[in-house]
Amino acid sequence: MKQKPNLNRALLTLALCLGGLSATAQNQKVSINVKNATLEQVFKSIERQTSYRFSFMNKTIDSKADITYNGSNTTVQMC
């Protein structure tokens, strides 16, 4: 199914755009450098670097390792 990679990209975009409940949460920065990673691996990377926590059901996200992203010192901000 071709829509799964698009769903992963949409979820990753959502993850990077999440706003926090406080001003300090909105200014958190992350560096993500992954090649052929799963969305779960990307979420774990963000969790290690911030106070954000992700909750999802494994059956709702694609487990295919097809995400490549390189970004350093990227601000997580509210969209």
Protein backbone atom coordinates (compact mmCIF):
# COMPACT_ATOMS: atom_id res chain seq x y z
CA MET A 1 0.00 0.00 0.00
CA LYS A 2 1.53 3.29 -1.09
CA GLN A 3 -0.22 5.45 1.52
CA LYS A 4 1.76 4.14 4.52
CA PRO A 5 4.97 6.15 3.79
CA ASN A 6 2.82 9.28 3.42
CA LEU A 7 1.21 8.51 6.78
CA ASN A 8 4.66 8.15 8.35
CA ARG A 9 5.74 11.50 6.94
CA ALA A 10 2.53 13.12 8.17
CA LEU A 11 3.02 11.68 11.65
CA LEU A 12 6.66 12.79 11.69
CA THR A 13 5.60 16.29 10.66
CA LEU A 14 2.99 16.28 13.40
CA ALA A 15 5.58 15.11 15.91
CA LEU A 16 7.96 17.91 14.99
CA CYS A 17 5.17 20.49 15.17
CA LEU A 18 3.71 19.52 18.54
CA GLY A 19 3.43 22.40 20.91
CA GLY A 20 4.02 22.10 24.60
CA LEU A 21 1.87 23.27 27.46
CA SER A 22 4.47 25.79 28.56
CA ALA A 23 6.74 28.27 26.83
CA THR A 24 9.83 26.24 27.70
CA ALA A 25 8.41 23.16 26.00
CA GLN A 26 7.88 25.14 22.82
CA ASN A 27 11.56 26.02 22.65
CA GLN A 28 12.98 22.51 22.85
CA LYS A 29 15.47 21.64 20.15
CA VAL A 30 16.20 18.26 18.62
CA SER A 31 18.80 16.83 16.30
CA ILE A 32 17.64 13.87 14.27
CA ASN A 33 19.95 12.07 11.91
CA VAL A 34 18.46 8.79 10.77
CA LYS A 35 18.72 6.67 7.67
CA ASN A 36 16.17 3.96 6.90
CA ALA A 37 14.61 4.30 10.35
CA THR A 38 11.13 3.41 11.51
CA LEU A 39 8.73 6.05 12.76
CA GLU A 40 8.98 4.50 16.24
CA GLN A 41 12.78 5.01 16.18
CA VAL A 42 12.29 8.66 15.23
CA PHE A 43 9.78 9.14 18.05
CA LYS A 44 12.22 7.56 20.53
CA SER A 45 14.96 9.91 19.35
CA ILE A 46 12.71 12.93 19.99
CA GLU A 47 11.72 11.53 23.40
CA ARG A 48 15.37 11.11 24.44
CA GLN A 49 16.06 14.77 23.66
CA THR A 50 12.87 16.42 24.95
CA SER A 51 10.16 16.10 27.55
CA TYR A 52 7.70 14.95 24.84
CA ARG A 53 6.24 11.45 25.00
CA PHE A 54 4.44 9.69 22.17
CA SER A 55 1.68 7.17 22.52
CA PHE A 56 0.46 5.10 19.61
CA MET A 57 -0.77 1.68 18.67
CA ASN A 58 1.76 -0.32 16.66
CA LYS A 59 -0.91 -1.37 14.17
CA THR A 60 -1.67 2.28 13.31
CA ILE A 61 1.82 3.14 12.05
CA ASP A 62 3.91 1.53 9.40
CA SER A 63 6.86 -0.42 10.80
CA LYS A 64 8.80 -0.20 7.54
CA ALA A 65 12.24 1.34 7.98
CA ASP A 66 11.96 3.97 5.26
CA ILE A 67 12.52 7.32 6.99
CA THR A 68 15.69 9.24 6.25
CA TYR A 69 16.00 12.64 7.88
CA ASN A 70 18.90 14.88 8.83
CA GLY A 71 18.25 17.91 10.97
CA SER A 72 20.37 19.50 13.66
CA ASN A 73 19.28 21.86 16.40
CA THR A 74 15.73 22.01 15.06
CA THR A 75 13.20 23.82 17.24
CA VAL A 76 10.07 21.87 18.09
CA GLN A 77 7.28 24.39 17.71
CA MET A 78 3.52 24.65 17.70
CA CYS A 79 2.00 24.60 14.21
